[in-house]
Amino acid sequence: MTAQTETPDAVTTVYKVSGMSCGHCEGSVSAEISELPGVTSVKAVASAGEVTVVSAAPLEEEAVRAAVDEAGFELVGRA
């Protein structure tokens, strides 16, 4: 599985996030990442510990890390 794929219109990146255990966790992480500039879609899956982010351009990993941290979880890296 590729951690990041690019198309002419979007970049899809899958991140590993530790600590998510429920729908509320997924919502918190999704809400914080959604506020980053250029993000068009976020799907968090607690059971897999993964967050799939679609954005107009590649995101700075530190910005994603800060958003995940703000939600109360830890960005482990890319899937």
Protein backbone atom coordinates (compact mmCIF):
# COMPACT_ATOMS: atom_id res chain seq x y z
CA MET A 1 0.00 0.00 0.00
CA THR A 2 1.30 3.42 -0.92
CA ALA A 3 1.25 6.07 1.78
CA GLN A 4 0.64 8.85 -0.73
CA THR A 5 -0.89 8.93 -4.19
CA GLU A 6 -1.23 11.93 -6.46
CA THR A 7 -3.66 12.69 -9.25
CA PRO A 8 -3.85 15.96 -11.20
CA ASP A 9 -6.54 17.25 -8.83
CA ALA A 10 -5.68 15.76 -5.44
CA VAL A 11 -3.18 14.09 -3.18
CA THR A 12 -4.34 11.18 -1.00
CA THR A 13 -2.22 10.35 2.05
CA VAL A 14 -2.84 7.67 4.67
CA TYR A 15 -1.50 8.37 8.17
CA LYS A 16 -1.18 6.04 11.15
CA VAL A 17 -2.63 7.55 14.34
CA SER A 18 -2.43 5.89 17.75
CA GLY A 19 -4.98 6.20 20.52
CA MET A 20 -8.23 6.31 18.53
CA SER A 21 -10.78 3.85 19.89
CA CYS A 22 -14.26 5.07 18.91
CA GLY A 23 -16.38 7.21 16.63
CA HIS A 24 -15.85 10.26 18.83
CA CYS A 25 -12.07 9.83 18.41
CA GLU A 26 -12.51 9.60 14.64
CA GLY A 27 -14.60 12.78 14.66
CA SER A 28 -12.09 14.71 16.75
CA VAL A 29 -9.16 13.81 14.51
CA SER A 30 -11.17 14.44 11.34
CA ALA A 31 -12.34 17.85 12.54
CA GLU A 32 -8.82 19.05 13.38
CA ILE A 33 -7.25 17.82 10.14
CA SER A 34 -10.16 19.23 8.10
CA GLU A 35 -9.15 22.73 9.24
CA LEU A 36 -5.76 22.50 7.50
CA PRO A 37 -5.55 24.59 4.30
CA GLY A 38 -6.15 22.56 1.14
CA VAL A 39 -7.78 19.56 2.83
CA THR A 40 -10.87 18.42 0.93
CA SER A 41 -11.66 15.12 2.67
CA VAL A 42 -10.73 13.25 5.86
CA LYS A 43 -11.75 9.71 6.84
CA ALA A 44 -10.55 8.35 10.17
CA VAL A 45 -10.94 4.64 11.01
CA ALA A 46 -10.28 3.94 14.69
CA SER A 47 -10.20 0.15 14.30
CA ALA A 48 -7.36 0.43 11.77
CA GLY A 49 -5.66 3.38 13.42
CA GLU A 50 -5.60 5.13 10.06
CA VAL A 51 -6.64 8.50 8.73
CA THR A 52 -6.99 9.02 4.97
CA VAL A 53 -6.59 12.65 3.93
CA VAL A 54 -7.33 14.07 0.48
CA SER A 55 -5.84 17.49 -0.21
CA ALA A 56 -5.20 19.81 -3.12
CA ALA A 57 -1.43 19.54 -2.57
CA PRO A 58 0.90 17.54 -0.31
CA LEU A 59 0.57 18.56 3.34
CA GLU A 60 3.43 19.34 5.68
CA GLU A 61 3.67 16.37 8.04
CA GLU A 62 4.31 18.73 10.99
CA ALA A 63 0.98 20.49 10.31
CA VAL A 64 -0.83 17.14 10.31
CA ARG A 65 1.06 16.12 13.46
CA ALA A 66 -0.01 19.35 15.21
CA ALA A 67 -3.66 18.82 14.21
CA VAL A 68 -3.65 15.22 15.47
CA ASP A 69 -1.95 16.35 18.68
CA GLU A 70 -4.60 19.06 19.15
CA ALA A 71 -7.25 16.32 18.93
CA GLY A 72 -5.44 14.44 21.72
CA PHE A 73 -3.82 11.66 19.69
CA GLU A 74 -0.40 10.79 18.29
CA LEU A 75 0.63 10.76 14.64
CA VAL A 76 2.80 7.67 14.21
CA GLY A 77 3.66 8.35 10.55
CA ARG A 78 2.44 7.41 7.12
CA ALA A 79 0.80 4.05 6.57
